[in-house]
Amino acid sequence: MPPHQLQVGIVGAGIAGLAAAVALSHAGHSVSVYEKSQFRNETGAAIIIGPNGSRILSKWGFDFAAAGALDYSQMRRLRGDTLALDSEEFFTDITTKYGDRWLLFHRADLHTGLKTLVSATHAEINLGVEVTDVDVGRGIISFANRETVTKDLVVIADGAHSELISKVLGRPCPVNKSPMSMYRFLQPMDRILAHPEAGQFYRDQPPGFTTFYKTEVGRPGLLINTYPCRGGELLYVALVHPTKPAERGLVGWDSPADVDNFLADAKDFHPAVQAVCDGATDIKVYTQMWRDPVERFAKGRVVLIGDAAHLMLPTHGQGASMALEDAMALQVLFTGVESPADVPSKLEVFDRLRIPRVSAVQVMSNKMMGPPDKMISEIKRYYGGEIPGPKAKTFSNEYNDFFFLYDVENEAKKAAA
């Protein structure tokens, strides 16, 4: 039989939703995206994409230069009080070893680049449209205005706080809140470089993480992570701190921060580090969240992807790359589909492909700070392949190999065979 063009509905126009729109358009289907905002506001933060994600963007023709992508080339860790260099590592052979780049983006620039890819397809993006329900068996999407549409395939990509997850799981799946929260903001890099103290950390340095940490006996630690984005025009700054009482009820990613609380935490650092934070405006705060692995991502004609499927802590910087992997898996599995009747069985293959891989990455991201043996034991509940050993550190060769050598396109083709 000749391929059949499916009618696809995607809920959410963030990174996961737009990636799915590109992927399923490339697979030959008619795609409609429904976004409840007038457009999702991807501002105020930076993001890292590993080679397992960037190779997918490359296949789609993503314009990395227009998005101001920078190669993640080094990681330095300094004591926040004395500025003593604790560790330094350079990543110089990433493309040679893994076949694509390890990249730093402003989140809005990645989002804009994906919108550009969508605009080159026949997919439509419907803004200001709130989805209130889905019928997983019949593919019916219900909207707040009481209208409905029926689709052959429905992709739920509306993020960590999706109210539609229970439609697939058949049960509530609330987020787990970390005891740590994060202040984050952007600084003009030219101002930082011109500063006699703050500039010392970034002048003549390749792009990458510069991290300052402060530990004190009897008190939770503090950590400031910084890295450039938007082609080096901006410096992203994130201060990880114990969650304040007023922050415990926050649910969004971009809640305004209490500046006095931020300054109280920043004062514990060396004056040169404080100078990196001086003059910061539009400071946001969010409480870090995660979910434990779930038993399935798909049911009937509906599939969860991105944070709606596998919310994880940012430990390894793999959240967005997992969403890109989800999208490419859908592209492969739904290329050449012969009938709408095939959708449920294709989604069963998606589950068999994605659940082990994503569950392992979730546990690695969520439990990395706990006992290694316990983390490894939990990973093995979901994943039967080789994994990094108990002494492996974040961004080590062992973890990089696990994340970056995986080619979801090839694996999806094997699963579909």
Protein backbone atom coordinates (compact mmCIF):
# COMPACT_ATOMS: atom_id res chain seq x y z
CA MET A 1 0.00 0.00 0.00
CA PRO A 2 1.17 3.59 -0.61
CA PRO A 3 2.00 5.76 2.42
CA HIS A 4 -0.95 7.45 4.12
CA GLN A 5 -0.83 11.08 5.24
CA LEU A 6 -1.90 11.15 8.88
CA GLN A 7 -3.68 14.05 10.53
CA VAL A 8 -1.47 14.94 13.51
CA GLY A 9 -2.27 17.21 16.46
CA ILE A 10 0.53 18.45 18.72
CA VAL A 11 -0.28 20.03 22.09
CA GLY A 12 2.35 22.61 23.01
CA ALA A 13 4.78 24.74 20.98
CA GLY A 14 7.88 24.59 23.14
CA ILE A 15 11.08 22.85 22.08
CA ALA A 16 9.52 19.37 22.18
CA GLY A 17 6.35 20.38 20.35
CA LEU A 18 8.13 22.26 17.58
CA ALA A 19 10.64 19.44 17.16
CA ALA A 20 7.77 16.98 16.78
CA ALA A 21 6.14 19.27 14.21
CA VAL A 22 9.33 19.31 12.13
CA ALA A 23 9.80 15.56 12.48
CA LEU A 24 6.27 14.50 11.58
CA SER A 25 6.13 16.98 8.71
CA HIS A 26 9.32 15.41 7.35
CA ALA A 27 7.59 12.04 7.71
CA GLY A 28 4.94 13.30 5.28
CA HIS A 29 2.03 14.08 7.57
CA SER A 30 -0.37 17.00 8.03
CA VAL A 31 0.53 18.67 11.32
CA SER A 32 -1.39 21.14 13.50
CA VAL A 33 0.19 22.55 16.66
CA TYR A 34 -1.96 23.99 19.46
CA GLU A 35 -0.35 26.44 21.90
CA LYS A 36 -2.35 28.12 24.66
CA SER A 37 -0.15 31.24 24.83
CA GLN A 38 0.14 33.84 22.10
CA PHE A 39 3.56 32.34 21.81
CA ARG A 40 5.51 30.47 24.32
CA ASN A 41 7.96 32.83 25.96
CA GLU A 42 11.33 31.05 25.81
CA THR A 43 13.35 33.78 27.50
CA GLY A 44 15.77 34.33 30.32
CA ALA A 45 17.74 31.10 30.19
CA ALA A 46 20.39 29.23 28.29
CA ILE A 47 20.45 25.57 27.32
CA ILE A 48 22.94 22.89 26.35
CA ILE A 49 22.43 20.36 23.55
CA GLY A 50 24.66 17.30 23.27
CA PRO A 51 25.79 15.67 20.01
CA ASN A 52 22.91 13.19 20.33
CA GLY A 53 20.59 16.18 19.92
CA SER A 54 22.64 18.38 17.59
CA ARG A 55 22.97 15.60 15.00
CA ILE A 56 19.16 15.58 14.80
CA LEU A 57 19.07 19.35 14.31
CA SER A 58 21.75 18.99 11.62
CA LYS A 59 19.64 16.44 9.73
CA TRP A 60 16.74 18.90 9.73
CA GLY A 61 18.91 21.72 8.35
CA PHE A 62 18.94 23.82 11.53
CA ASP A 63 20.81 27.14 11.15
CA PHE A 64 23.29 27.01 14.03
CA ALA A 65 24.99 30.27 13.07
CA ALA A 66 21.72 32.22 13.05
CA ALA A 67 20.92 30.74 16.47
CA GLY A 68 24.24 31.91 17.91
CA ALA A 69 25.23 28.39 18.95
CA LEU A 70 28.60 28.08 20.69
CA ASP A 71 30.70 24.94 21.03
CA TYR A 72 30.89 23.71 24.61
CA SER A 73 34.67 23.50 24.82
CA GLN A 74 35.64 23.44 28.47
CA MET A 75 34.49 23.05 32.05
CA ARG A 76 36.20 24.81 34.96
CA ARG A 77 35.32 24.48 38.62
CA LEU A 78 36.61 27.07 41.10
CA ARG A 79 36.17 27.58 44.81
CA GLY A 80 33.72 30.39 45.30
CA ASP A 81 35.57 31.94 48.23
CA THR A 82 39.27 31.68 47.29
CA LEU A 83 38.98 31.30 43.48
CA ALA A 84 41.31 28.30 43.66
CA LEU A 85 40.96 26.16 40.53
CA ASP A 86 39.53 22.82 41.60
CA SER A 87 39.32 21.16 38.18
CA GLU A 88 39.59 21.98 34.50
CA GLU A 89 38.69 19.91 31.47
CA PHE A 90 38.76 20.70 27.76
CA PHE A 91 36.50 19.13 25.15
CA THR A 92 38.42 19.43 21.89
CA ASP A 93 37.52 16.30 19.94
CA ILE A 94 33.74 16.20 20.33
CA THR A 95 32.81 16.31 16.64
CA THR A 96 35.51 13.80 15.71
CA LYS A 97 34.44 11.37 18.42
CA TYR A 98 30.66 11.77 18.35
CA GLY A 99 29.90 13.03 14.86
CA ASP A 100 28.38 16.38 15.80
CA ARG A 101 28.78 19.35 18.12
CA TRP A 102 28.13 19.92 21.83
CA LEU A 103 26.38 23.28 21.88
CA LEU A 104 25.37 26.19 24.10
CA PHE A 105 22.28 28.22 23.14
CA HIS A 106 20.11 30.98 24.44
CA ARG A 107 16.87 29.05 24.84
CA ALA A 108 14.91 31.63 22.84
CA ASP A 109 17.35 31.29 19.92
CA LEU A 110 16.95 27.50 19.82
CA HIS A 111 13.19 27.99 19.94
CA THR A 112 13.29 30.55 17.13
CA GLY A 113 15.44 28.24 15.01
CA LEU A 114 12.89 25.45 15.43
CA LYS A 115 10.08 27.85 14.49
CA THR A 116 12.01 28.63 11.31
CA LEU A 117 12.20 24.93 10.50
CA VAL A 118 8.45 24.55 11.11
CA SER A 119 7.72 27.52 8.84
CA ALA A 120 9.51 25.72 6.00
CA THR A 121 6.97 22.88 6.23
CA HIS A 122 3.20 22.84 5.77
CA ALA A 123 2.61 22.52 9.51
CA GLU A 124 0.31 25.10 11.10
CA ILE A 125 0.74 26.64 14.55
CA ASN A 126 -2.46 27.74 16.29
CA LEU A 127 -1.81 30.26 19.07
CA GLY A 128 -4.08 31.16 21.96
CA VAL A 129 -5.72 27.73 21.81
CA GLU A 130 -6.02 25.86 25.10
CA VAL A 131 -6.41 22.08 25.02
CA THR A 132 -8.46 20.77 27.94
CA ASP A 133 -8.84 17.06 27.16
CA VAL A 134 -7.85 14.25 24.82
CA ASP A 135 -9.59 10.98 24.05
CA VAL A 136 -6.70 8.53 23.75
CA GLY A 137 -8.73 5.89 21.94
CA ARG A 138 -10.33 8.09 19.30
CA GLY A 139 -7.75 10.87 18.99
CA ILE A 140 -10.24 13.61 19.87
CA ILE A 141 -8.74 16.88 21.14
CA SER A 142 -11.06 19.13 23.17
CA PHE A 143 -10.46 22.86 23.53
CA ALA A 144 -11.42 25.40 26.18
CA ASN A 145 -13.93 26.96 23.77
CA ARG A 146 -15.72 23.57 23.69
CA GLU A 147 -14.74 22.85 20.10
CA THR A 148 -13.08 19.54 19.19
CA VAL A 149 -10.94 18.10 16.42
CA THR A 150 -10.18 14.48 15.63
CA LYS A 151 -6.64 13.40 14.75
CA ASP A 152 -5.01 10.12 13.77
CA LEU A 153 -2.09 10.86 16.10
CA VAL A 154 -1.94 13.21 19.10
CA VAL A 155 1.41 14.30 20.57
CA ILE A 156 1.32 15.80 24.07
CA ALA A 157 4.28 18.15 24.41
CA ASP A 158 2.99 20.81 26.78
CA GLY A 159 5.70 20.51 29.39
CA ALA A 160 6.34 19.64 32.99
CA HIS A 161 2.96 20.80 34.26
CA SER A 162 0.84 19.14 31.59
CA GLU A 163 -2.62 18.26 32.82
CA LEU A 164 -2.96 15.60 30.12
CA ILE A 165 -0.36 13.13 31.41
CA SER A 166 -3.00 11.24 33.38
CA LYS A 167 -4.89 10.55 30.14
CA VAL A 168 -2.04 8.29 29.05
CA LEU A 169 -1.01 6.89 32.43
CA GLY A 170 -4.50 6.49 33.88
CA ARG A 171 -3.33 8.04 37.13
CA PRO A 172 -2.02 11.35 38.48
CA CYS A 173 1.71 11.92 38.07
CA PRO A 174 2.70 14.96 40.14
CA VAL A 175 6.19 16.43 39.95
CA ASN A 176 8.75 15.87 42.68
CA LYS A 177 10.32 19.06 43.95
CA SER A 178 14.01 19.21 44.72
CA PRO A 179 15.14 20.94 47.94
CA MET A 180 17.21 23.19 45.66
CA SER A 181 16.10 26.17 43.61
CA MET A 182 17.87 28.26 40.99
CA TYR A 183 18.15 32.00 40.43
CA ARG A 184 18.97 32.73 36.82
CA PHE A 185 19.61 35.77 34.68
CA LEU A 186 21.61 37.03 31.71
CA GLN A 187 24.43 39.56 31.72
CA PRO A 188 25.86 41.48 28.73
CA MET A 189 29.20 39.80 28.05
CA ASP A 190 30.91 43.04 26.98
CA ARG A 191 30.17 44.51 30.40
CA ILE A 192 31.56 41.43 32.14
CA LEU A 193 34.72 41.40 30.02
CA ALA A 194 35.31 45.10 30.70
CA HIS A 195 35.10 44.60 34.46
CA PRO A 196 38.57 44.34 36.05
CA GLU A 197 37.55 41.51 38.39
CA ALA A 198 34.66 39.71 36.70
CA GLY A 199 36.36 39.69 33.31
CA GLN A 200 39.27 37.53 34.47
CA PHE A 201 37.14 34.39 34.30
CA TYR A 202 36.15 34.80 30.63
CA ARG A 203 38.86 36.75 28.77
CA ASP A 204 40.68 34.61 26.20
CA GLN A 205 38.74 31.54 27.28
CA PRO A 206 36.90 29.14 24.95
CA PRO A 207 33.15 28.90 25.60
CA GLY A 208 32.09 26.54 28.32
CA PHE A 209 31.05 26.22 31.95
CA THR A 210 32.76 28.31 34.61
CA THR A 211 31.39 27.14 37.95
CA PHE A 212 31.96 28.57 41.42
CA TYR A 213 31.03 26.51 44.45
CA LYS A 214 30.88 27.27 48.15
CA THR A 215 30.63 24.65 50.86
CA GLU A 216 30.49 25.13 54.59
CA VAL A 217 30.23 22.54 57.34
CA GLY A 218 26.69 22.36 58.66
CA ARG A 219 25.18 24.38 55.81
CA PRO A 220 23.90 23.40 52.37
CA GLY A 221 26.26 24.29 49.57
CA LEU A 222 25.84 27.04 47.00
CA LEU A 223 26.84 26.88 43.35
CA ILE A 224 27.02 29.48 40.60
CA ASN A 225 27.23 28.14 37.06
CA THR A 226 27.97 30.47 34.15
CA TYR A 227 28.34 30.06 30.41
CA PRO A 228 28.08 32.22 27.29
CA CYS A 229 25.26 32.09 24.76
CA ARG A 230 23.87 34.03 21.77
CA GLY A 231 27.19 33.93 19.96
CA GLY A 232 29.02 35.21 23.02
CA GLU A 233 26.90 38.34 23.46
CA LEU A 234 25.36 37.18 26.74
CA LEU A 235 26.53 35.37 29.85
CA TYR A 236 24.04 33.04 31.50
CA VAL A 237 24.31 32.97 35.29
CA ALA A 238 22.53 30.46 37.54
CA LEU A 239 22.84 30.38 41.34
CA VAL A 240 21.70 27.07 42.84
CA HIS A 241 20.63 27.45 46.46
CA PRO A 242 18.48 25.75 49.11
CA THR A 243 14.84 26.54 48.38
CA LYS A 244 13.51 29.45 50.42
CA PRO A 245 10.10 29.09 52.14
CA ALA A 246 8.56 31.61 49.74
CA GLU A 247 9.80 29.58 46.76
CA ARG A 248 8.23 26.26 47.75
CA GLY A 249 4.90 27.00 46.09
CA LEU A 250 6.31 28.17 42.76
CA VAL A 251 5.18 26.17 39.74
CA GLY A 252 6.56 28.11 36.76
CA TRP A 253 10.03 28.36 35.27
CA ASP A 254 10.18 32.16 35.28
CA SER A 255 8.84 33.48 38.58
CA PRO A 256 10.35 36.83 39.60
CA ALA A 257 13.00 36.39 42.28
CA ASP A 258 13.22 38.23 45.57
CA VAL A 259 16.34 40.31 44.93
CA ASP A 260 17.18 40.54 48.64
CA ASN A 261 17.22 36.74 48.87
CA PHE A 262 19.45 36.55 45.82
CA LEU A 263 21.88 39.12 47.21
CA ALA A 264 21.97 37.31 50.56
CA ASP A 265 23.18 34.13 48.85
CA ALA A 266 25.56 35.90 46.45
CA LYS A 267 27.36 37.69 49.30
CA ASP A 268 28.95 34.41 50.41
CA PHE A 269 31.14 34.41 47.29
CA HIS A 270 34.45 36.13 46.53
CA PRO A 271 34.06 39.79 45.45
CA ALA A 272 35.18 38.89 41.92
CA VAL A 273 32.36 36.35 41.67
CA GLN A 274 29.91 38.86 43.12
CA ALA A 275 31.04 41.21 40.35
CA VAL A 276 29.77 38.69 37.79
CA CYS A 277 26.33 39.13 39.38
CA ASP A 278 26.46 42.91 39.91
CA GLY A 279 23.77 44.90 38.16
CA ALA A 280 21.69 41.85 37.30
CA THR A 281 18.13 42.62 36.27
CA ASP A 282 15.09 40.48 35.55
CA ILE A 283 16.26 37.74 37.92
CA LYS A 284 14.03 34.66 37.79
CA VAL A 285 13.78 31.74 40.19
CA TYR A 286 12.40 28.23 39.93
CA THR A 287 12.45 25.16 42.11
CA GLN A 288 14.13 22.23 40.39
CA MET A 289 11.68 19.43 39.64
CA TRP A 290 11.68 15.88 38.34
CA ARG A 291 9.53 12.83 37.83
CA ASP A 292 10.44 9.21 38.33
CA PRO A 293 10.32 7.04 35.19
CA VAL A 294 6.81 6.09 34.09
CA GLU A 295 5.55 2.78 32.75
CA ARG A 296 4.58 4.09 29.30
CA PHE A 297 4.57 7.18 27.12
CA ALA A 298 1.81 6.10 24.75
CA LYS A 299 -1.73 4.84 24.84
CA GLY A 300 -4.07 4.40 21.89
CA ARG A 301 -3.45 7.30 19.52
CA VAL A 302 -1.74 9.58 22.04
CA VAL A 303 1.93 9.89 22.99
CA LEU A 304 3.79 11.98 25.58
CA ILE A 305 7.15 13.54 24.70
CA GLY A 306 9.61 15.99 26.27
CA ASP A 307 9.09 17.16 29.85
CA ALA A 308 5.50 15.91 29.78
CA ALA A 309 6.95 12.41 29.41
CA HIS A 310 10.25 12.45 31.28
CA LEU A 311 10.92 15.54 33.38
CA MET A 312 14.44 15.36 34.81
CA LEU A 313 16.91 17.46 36.78
CA PRO A 314 19.50 19.38 34.68
CA THR A 315 22.43 17.35 36.06
CA HIS A 316 23.67 16.13 32.67
CA GLY A 317 22.02 18.75 30.45
CA GLN A 318 20.05 16.07 28.60
CA GLY A 319 16.43 17.22 28.92
CA ALA A 320 16.14 19.01 25.57
CA SER A 321 18.24 16.40 23.77
CA MET A 322 15.82 13.70 24.97
CA ALA A 323 12.94 15.72 23.47
CA LEU A 324 14.81 15.88 20.15
CA GLU A 325 15.39 12.13 20.32
CA ASP A 326 11.66 11.61 20.92
CA ALA A 327 10.86 13.66 17.83
CA MET A 328 13.31 11.84 15.58
CA ALA A 329 11.99 8.48 16.81
CA LEU A 330 8.48 9.57 15.77
CA GLN A 331 9.79 10.70 12.39
CA VAL A 332 11.35 7.31 11.66
CA LEU A 333 8.48 5.21 13.00
CA PHE A 334 5.79 7.18 11.17
CA THR A 335 7.55 7.45 7.81
CA GLY A 336 5.70 5.31 5.27
CA VAL A 337 2.80 4.45 7.57
CA GLU A 338 0.06 2.81 5.50
CA SER A 339 -3.10 3.46 7.51
CA PRO A 340 -4.42 5.37 10.54
CA ALA A 341 -5.14 1.93 11.98
CA ASP A 342 -1.37 1.45 12.34
CA VAL A 343 -0.93 4.33 14.81
CA PRO A 344 -1.42 2.40 18.08
CA SER A 345 1.02 -0.34 17.05
CA LYS A 346 3.61 2.24 15.94
CA LEU A 347 3.32 3.91 19.35
CA GLU A 348 3.87 0.56 21.04
CA VAL A 349 7.18 0.36 19.16
CA PHE A 350 7.94 3.93 20.31
CA ASP A 351 7.45 2.86 23.92
CA ARG A 352 9.69 -0.19 23.56
CA LEU A 353 12.38 1.99 22.00
CA ARG A 354 12.21 5.03 24.28
CA ILE A 355 11.26 3.80 27.75
CA PRO A 356 14.57 2.00 28.56
CA ARG A 357 16.80 4.76 27.20
CA VAL A 358 14.91 7.70 28.67
CA SER A 359 14.34 6.00 32.03
CA ALA A 360 18.08 5.41 32.38
CA VAL A 361 18.81 9.06 31.57
CA GLN A 362 16.17 10.20 34.06
CA VAL A 363 17.65 8.15 36.89
CA MET A 364 21.17 9.32 36.03
CA SER A 365 19.95 12.92 36.11
CA ASN A 366 17.74 12.68 39.18
CA LYS A 367 19.82 10.43 41.44
CA MET A 368 23.40 11.42 40.54
CA MET A 369 23.95 13.12 43.89
CA GLY A 370 22.90 10.05 45.89
CA PRO A 371 24.65 6.74 46.59
CA PRO A 372 26.09 5.45 43.26
CA ASP A 373 25.23 1.82 43.94
CA LYS A 374 21.60 2.71 44.59
CA MET A 375 21.44 4.75 41.39
CA ILE A 376 22.96 1.96 39.31
CA SER A 377 20.58 -0.59 40.81
CA GLU A 378 17.62 1.60 39.85
CA ILE A 379 18.91 2.13 36.31
CA LYS A 380 19.12 -1.63 35.82
CA ARG A 381 15.39 -1.93 36.56
CA TYR A 382 14.77 -0.18 33.24
CA TYR A 383 17.88 -0.60 31.12
CA GLY A 384 19.86 -3.71 30.28
CA GLY A 385 22.81 -2.23 28.39
CA GLU A 386 26.19 -0.97 29.53
CA ILE A 387 26.13 2.08 31.80
CA PRO A 388 28.79 4.31 33.41
CA GLY A 389 30.46 2.89 36.49
CA PRO A 390 29.86 4.06 40.07
CA LYS A 391 32.92 6.35 40.06
CA ALA A 392 32.08 8.13 36.79
CA LYS A 393 31.53 11.88 37.11
CA THR A 394 29.21 14.27 35.30
CA PHE A 395 30.52 15.07 31.78
CA SER A 396 33.15 12.33 32.06
CA ASN A 397 34.02 10.23 29.02
CA GLU A 398 31.87 7.40 30.38
CA TYR A 399 28.76 9.54 30.61
CA ASN A 400 29.49 11.37 27.37
CA ASP A 401 29.83 8.06 25.54
CA PHE A 402 26.53 6.83 26.97
CA PHE A 403 24.64 9.96 25.97
CA PHE A 404 26.35 10.99 22.74
CA LEU A 405 27.15 7.74 20.91
CA TYR A 406 23.46 6.83 20.86
CA ASP A 407 21.95 7.51 17.43
CA VAL A 408 18.17 7.51 17.82
CA GLU A 409 17.55 7.50 14.07
CA ASN A 410 19.50 4.26 13.61
CA GLU A 411 17.95 2.69 16.70
CA ALA A 412 14.44 3.61 15.56
CA LYS A 413 15.08 2.06 12.15
CA LYS A 414 16.14 -1.17 13.87
CA ALA A 415 13.05 -1.09 16.09
CA ALA A 416 10.79 -0.54 13.09
CA ALA A 417 12.29 -3.38 11.05
